[in-house]
Amino acid sequence: MKKEIDKRTSYLGPKGTYSEEAALIHKNQKENLIDPKKNIFEVLESVEKKINFEGIIPIENSRVGTIIEVIDYLIKSKNLFLNKEILVPIEACLITKNKIDSLDYITEIISKPEAINQCNEWIRKNLNEDVILTESPSTGDAVSSLNNHDSSVAAIGPERAAIINEYYIFERGIQDFKNNITRFVVISNNPSKKSGKDKTSIAFDFKTKDKSGLLLAALESFSKRNINLQKIESRPKGTQMGEYTFIIDFNGHIEDKLVIDALNELSKITTLLKVLGSYPRSY
């Protein structure tokens, strides 16, 4: 008997994460329509293995860039598609279990690595130089874990996490860049239909790494067709030095004639050419 797919949207839990905020935006604040998972890989696998109909994951932050483990998973996946993007402003709060009077009490900070990175300058300027930075699977987990520590340990997380756990916010907006935004994407096993205002994300690498002009040729596949590139970046393939995978976001849908022609041309000089998805633009 075929197992019925959970129609809820999976997200990186527990309650109180920025991922939950994005999921609630996606589902119009209906908590019964979202399903928390322990880590990002559980979210991705819940969709790929058709446990959940769709999931929502962070893919890029305006401060620290692309979330590498997500891109790596999507590149290797055979049936996941990006369907939608949601932009969530990030206001990081320093949260404590009990009310404290001074930052001098703080000896340890717990949070998700990306959240710590987004607050590095504030930590350096305001906390003791020997403060311990401890990684957590999510900001929600970091805040709830304060229950197991004394008042010298604080967490970095969203206001909602402090409210849910009935903890104290010592200071709001401690992120180094005040206009800090995380881009979340909704994923499913089905490609999105054209909306008329779409963008497409792809990943590719080249057949040879030493031939001059390869990247220029790749970009010309789009520029000669007046296809606007929104983002281009590279990341090491992890095989050997000098080998990179390129990620590009550009305006248009995979079903557009110009996009089809551009990708056909690009495929002649690439080994990997993976369409991560076409979806409506949010900006």
Protein backbone atom coordinates (compact mmCIF):
# COMPACT_ATOMS: atom_id res chain seq x y z
CA MET A 1 0.00 0.00 0.00
CA LYS A 2 1.40 3.39 -1.02
CA LYS A 3 2.14 5.68 1.91
CA GLU A 4 0.25 8.98 1.83
CA ILE A 5 2.45 12.07 1.57
CA ASP A 6 2.28 14.52 4.49
CA LYS A 7 0.86 17.70 2.95
CA ARG A 8 2.53 19.91 5.55
CA THR A 9 5.60 22.00 4.73
CA SER A 10 8.71 20.73 6.49
CA TYR A 11 11.16 23.27 7.93
CA LEU A 12 14.21 23.50 10.17
CA GLY A 13 12.80 23.40 13.68
CA PRO A 14 12.11 23.61 16.49
CA LYS A 15 9.61 26.42 16.93
CA GLY A 16 11.20 29.82 17.09
CA THR A 17 13.64 29.54 14.18
CA TYR A 18 13.85 31.94 11.27
CA SER A 19 12.90 28.93 9.14
CA GLU A 20 9.65 28.63 11.09
CA GLU A 21 8.99 32.31 10.41
CA ALA A 22 9.48 31.72 6.68
CA ALA A 23 7.27 28.62 6.79
CA LEU A 24 4.51 30.55 8.57
CA ILE A 25 4.72 33.31 5.96
CA HIS A 26 4.42 30.68 3.24
CA LYS A 27 1.41 29.05 4.94
CA ASN A 28 -0.34 32.27 6.02
CA GLN A 29 0.51 31.81 9.71
CA LYS A 30 -1.22 28.42 9.95
CA GLU A 31 0.93 26.37 12.35
CA ASN A 32 -0.97 23.16 11.61
CA LEU A 33 0.35 23.26 8.04
CA ILE A 34 4.07 23.16 8.93
CA ASP A 35 6.23 20.27 10.16
CA PRO A 36 9.51 20.86 12.08
CA LYS A 37 12.61 18.76 11.40
CA LYS A 38 15.84 18.39 13.38
CA ASN A 39 18.22 19.68 10.70
CA ILE A 40 18.34 20.97 7.13
CA PHE A 41 19.13 17.54 5.70
CA GLU A 42 15.97 16.09 7.25
CA VAL A 43 13.99 18.84 5.55
CA LEU A 44 15.57 18.08 2.19
CA GLU A 45 15.20 14.31 2.58
CA SER A 46 11.59 14.60 3.75
CA VAL A 47 10.73 16.07 0.36
CA GLU A 48 13.05 13.99 -1.79
CA LYS A 49 11.77 10.77 -0.19
CA LYS A 50 8.18 12.03 -0.49
CA ILE A 51 7.52 12.06 3.24
CA ASN A 52 6.43 15.70 3.02
CA PHE A 53 4.89 17.32 -0.05
CA GLU A 54 7.21 20.32 0.20
CA GLY A 55 9.85 21.89 2.41
CA ILE A 56 11.34 25.31 3.07
CA ILE A 57 15.06 25.86 3.50
CA PRO A 58 17.46 28.82 3.85
CA ILE A 59 19.64 29.09 0.75
CA GLU A 60 21.36 32.49 0.97
CA ASN A 61 22.06 35.27 3.44
CA SER A 62 22.85 38.84 2.43
CA ARG A 63 25.76 38.86 4.90
CA VAL A 64 27.40 35.42 4.67
CA GLY A 65 26.30 34.36 1.19
CA THR A 66 25.11 30.98 -0.09
CA ILE A 67 24.51 28.16 2.38
CA ILE A 68 26.86 25.62 0.89
CA GLU A 69 25.42 22.39 2.26
CA VAL A 70 22.03 23.25 0.75
CA ILE A 71 23.48 23.95 -2.71
CA ASP A 72 25.56 20.77 -2.60
CA TYR A 73 22.50 18.68 -1.76
CA LEU A 74 20.38 20.29 -4.47
CA ILE A 75 23.07 19.72 -7.10
CA LYS A 76 23.21 16.00 -6.28
CA SER A 77 19.45 15.58 -5.96
CA LYS A 78 17.65 13.95 -8.86
CA ASN A 79 14.14 15.24 -8.29
CA LEU A 80 14.07 18.40 -6.14
CA PHE A 81 13.02 21.74 -7.64
CA LEU A 82 13.02 25.29 -6.28
CA ASN A 83 9.43 26.55 -6.44
CA LYS A 84 9.35 29.86 -4.59
CA GLU A 85 11.57 32.27 -2.69
CA ILE A 86 10.74 34.13 0.52
CA LEU A 87 12.87 36.96 1.91
CA VAL A 88 12.98 37.20 5.71
CA PRO A 89 14.64 40.15 7.50
CA ILE A 90 16.94 38.85 10.22
CA GLU A 91 16.97 40.61 13.59
CA ALA A 92 19.29 38.70 15.88
CA CYS A 93 18.66 38.93 19.61
CA LEU A 94 20.95 38.11 22.51
CA ILE A 95 18.78 35.88 24.69
CA THR A 96 19.35 34.73 28.27
CA LYS A 97 17.49 32.31 30.53
CA ASN A 98 17.47 34.76 33.45
CA LYS A 99 17.59 38.52 33.53
CA ILE A 100 21.16 39.83 33.74
CA ASP A 101 22.54 43.32 34.31
CA SER A 102 25.79 43.18 32.37
CA LEU A 103 27.38 41.45 29.40
CA ASP A 104 30.36 40.71 31.65
CA TYR A 105 28.37 37.72 32.94
CA ILE A 106 28.40 36.04 29.53
CA THR A 107 31.06 33.33 29.10
CA GLU A 108 29.47 31.35 26.26
CA ILE A 109 27.29 32.00 23.22
CA ILE A 110 25.23 29.27 21.54
CA SER A 111 23.68 29.51 18.09
CA LYS A 112 23.63 28.21 14.54
CA PRO A 113 27.03 28.86 12.87
CA GLU A 114 25.50 31.24 10.31
CA ALA A 115 23.85 33.28 13.09
CA ILE A 116 27.14 33.56 14.97
CA ASN A 117 28.90 34.66 11.77
CA GLN A 118 26.28 37.35 11.23
CA CYS A 119 27.08 38.80 14.67
CA ASN A 120 30.87 38.44 14.73
CA GLU A 121 31.64 42.16 14.95
CA TRP A 122 29.12 42.74 17.75
CA ILE A 123 30.52 39.78 19.69
CA ARG A 124 34.07 41.06 19.27
CA LYS A 125 33.19 44.57 20.47
CA ASN A 126 30.83 43.72 23.34
CA LEU A 127 31.85 40.40 24.90
CA ASN A 128 34.95 39.13 26.64
CA GLU A 129 37.62 38.06 24.16
CA ASP A 130 37.67 34.53 25.62
CA VAL A 131 33.92 34.00 25.21
CA ILE A 132 33.15 30.46 24.02
CA LEU A 133 31.21 30.16 20.74
CA THR A 134 29.21 26.92 20.59
CA GLU A 135 27.44 25.70 17.46
CA SER A 136 23.84 24.49 17.48
CA PRO A 137 21.73 22.86 14.73
CA SER A 138 19.34 25.82 14.74
CA THR A 139 18.67 29.11 16.48
CA GLY A 140 15.56 27.57 18.03
CA ASP A 141 17.58 24.71 19.52
CA ALA A 142 20.16 27.18 20.78
CA VAL A 143 17.58 29.18 22.70
CA SER A 144 15.74 26.17 24.14
CA SER A 145 19.08 24.63 25.23
CA LEU A 146 19.58 27.51 27.69
CA ASN A 147 17.40 25.51 30.06
CA ASN A 148 20.42 23.22 30.57
CA HIS A 149 22.84 26.05 31.42
CA ASP A 150 23.31 28.73 34.04
CA SER A 151 22.95 32.47 33.46
CA SER A 152 26.50 32.83 32.07
CA VAL A 153 25.39 31.19 28.82
CA ALA A 154 23.39 33.14 26.21
CA ALA A 155 21.98 32.33 22.79
CA ILE A 156 21.59 34.25 19.56
CA GLY A 157 18.15 33.82 18.01
CA PRO A 158 14.91 35.49 16.93
CA GLU A 159 12.51 37.25 19.28
CA ARG A 160 9.90 34.51 18.80
CA ALA A 161 12.27 31.90 20.27
CA ALA A 162 12.63 34.00 23.43
CA ILE A 163 8.85 34.41 23.70
CA ILE A 164 8.15 30.70 23.22
CA ASN A 165 10.69 29.70 25.89
CA GLU A 166 9.79 32.60 28.20
CA TYR A 167 13.37 33.87 28.26
CA TYR A 168 14.83 37.37 28.32
CA ILE A 169 16.09 39.48 25.44
CA PHE A 170 19.16 41.40 26.60
CA GLU A 171 19.59 43.23 23.30
CA ARG A 172 17.86 43.25 19.92
CA GLY A 173 19.42 43.80 16.50
CA ILE A 174 22.94 42.58 17.31
CA GLN A 175 23.59 41.49 13.70
CA ASP A 176 26.54 43.34 12.18
CA PHE A 177 24.57 44.50 9.14
CA LYS A 178 21.19 45.94 10.03
CA ASN A 179 19.73 45.26 6.57
CA ASN A 180 20.35 41.54 6.99
CA ILE A 181 18.07 39.28 4.94
CA THR A 182 17.94 35.52 4.50
CA ARG A 183 16.51 34.10 1.30
CA PHE A 184 14.45 30.96 1.85
CA VAL A 185 13.24 28.67 -0.92
CA VAL A 186 10.30 26.31 -1.09
CA ILE A 187 11.23 22.95 -2.60
CA SER A 188 9.15 20.10 -3.98
CA ASN A 189 9.37 17.22 -6.47
CA ASN A 190 7.49 19.25 -9.08
CA PRO A 191 8.76 22.12 -11.25
CA SER A 192 6.91 25.44 -11.10
CA LYS A 193 4.79 26.70 -13.95
CA LYS A 194 5.53 30.03 -15.62
CA SER A 195 4.30 33.08 -13.73
CA GLY A 196 5.44 35.72 -16.21
CA LYS A 197 7.99 37.14 -13.76
CA ASP A 198 10.37 34.25 -13.10
CA LYS A 199 13.97 33.56 -12.31
CA THR A 200 15.98 30.36 -12.81
CA SER A 201 18.83 28.96 -10.73
CA ILE A 202 21.42 26.67 -12.29
CA ALA A 203 24.73 25.03 -11.33
CA PHE A 204 27.44 24.01 -13.78
CA ASP A 205 31.11 23.16 -14.17
CA PHE A 206 33.38 22.99 -17.18
CA LYS A 207 34.69 20.04 -19.15
CA THR A 208 38.21 21.43 -18.87
CA LYS A 209 39.52 23.77 -16.17
CA ASP A 210 42.57 25.32 -17.86
CA LYS A 211 41.16 26.55 -21.15
CA SER A 212 41.04 30.35 -21.29
CA GLY A 213 37.77 32.16 -21.91
CA LEU A 214 35.44 29.43 -20.62
CA LEU A 215 33.65 31.62 -18.10
CA LEU A 216 33.33 34.41 -20.66
CA ALA A 217 31.81 31.94 -23.12
CA ALA A 218 29.36 30.77 -20.46
CA LEU A 219 28.27 34.32 -19.68
CA GLU A 220 27.95 35.18 -23.36
CA SER A 221 25.39 32.38 -23.70
CA PHE A 222 23.11 34.68 -21.70
CA SER A 223 24.32 38.18 -22.64
CA LYS A 224 23.86 37.67 -26.40
CA ARG A 225 20.19 36.85 -25.69
CA ASN A 226 19.74 39.79 -23.29
CA ILE A 227 19.08 37.45 -20.38
CA ASN A 228 19.79 39.37 -17.18
CA LEU A 229 21.99 37.61 -14.61
CA GLN A 230 20.97 38.31 -11.01
CA LYS A 231 23.81 36.43 -9.32
CA ILE A 232 26.94 34.48 -10.21
CA GLU A 233 29.27 32.80 -7.75
CA SER A 234 31.69 29.90 -7.60
CA ARG A 235 32.45 27.31 -4.98
CA PRO A 236 35.16 24.64 -4.79
CA LYS A 237 34.04 21.22 -6.04
CA GLY A 238 35.96 19.52 -3.24
CA THR A 239 37.83 17.29 -5.67
CA GLN A 240 41.11 19.15 -6.18
CA MET A 241 42.47 22.68 -6.16
CA GLY A 242 41.32 24.87 -9.03
CA GLU A 243 38.09 23.00 -9.75
CA TYR A 244 34.89 24.96 -9.17
CA THR A 245 31.15 24.71 -9.54
CA PHE A 246 29.40 27.90 -10.67
CA ILE A 247 25.93 28.93 -9.50
CA ILE A 248 23.95 31.45 -11.54
CA ASP A 249 20.53 33.03 -11.04
CA PHE A 250 19.03 34.72 -14.09
CA ASN A 251 15.72 36.20 -15.19
CA GLY A 252 13.45 33.88 -17.15
CA HIS A 253 11.80 30.45 -16.98
CA ILE A 254 13.23 27.13 -18.11
CA GLU A 255 10.41 26.88 -20.67
CA ASP A 256 11.32 30.21 -22.34
CA LYS A 257 12.76 29.81 -25.83
CA LEU A 258 15.70 32.13 -25.14
CA VAL A 259 16.54 30.27 -21.91
CA ILE A 260 16.38 26.91 -23.70
CA ASP A 261 18.75 28.20 -26.38
CA ALA A 262 21.16 29.65 -23.80
CA LEU A 263 21.33 26.41 -21.82
CA ASN A 264 21.78 24.34 -24.98
CA GLU A 265 24.79 26.50 -25.87
CA LEU A 266 26.14 26.32 -22.32
CA SER A 267 25.83 22.53 -22.28
CA LYS A 268 28.46 22.28 -25.07
CA ILE A 269 31.24 23.44 -22.73
CA THR A 270 30.04 21.95 -19.43
CA THR A 271 30.13 18.54 -17.79
CA LEU A 272 27.58 19.30 -15.10
CA LEU A 273 24.59 21.49 -15.97
CA LYS A 274 21.89 21.25 -13.33
CA VAL A 275 18.72 23.32 -13.37
CA LEU A 276 17.82 23.84 -9.70
CA GLY A 277 14.46 25.36 -10.57
CA SER A 278 12.48 28.19 -12.13
CA TYR A 279 10.24 30.17 -9.78
CA PRO A 280 8.58 33.59 -9.37
CA ARG A 281 10.95 36.46 -8.56
CA SER A 282 10.48 38.23 -5.24
CA TYR A 283 12.64 41.23 -6.18
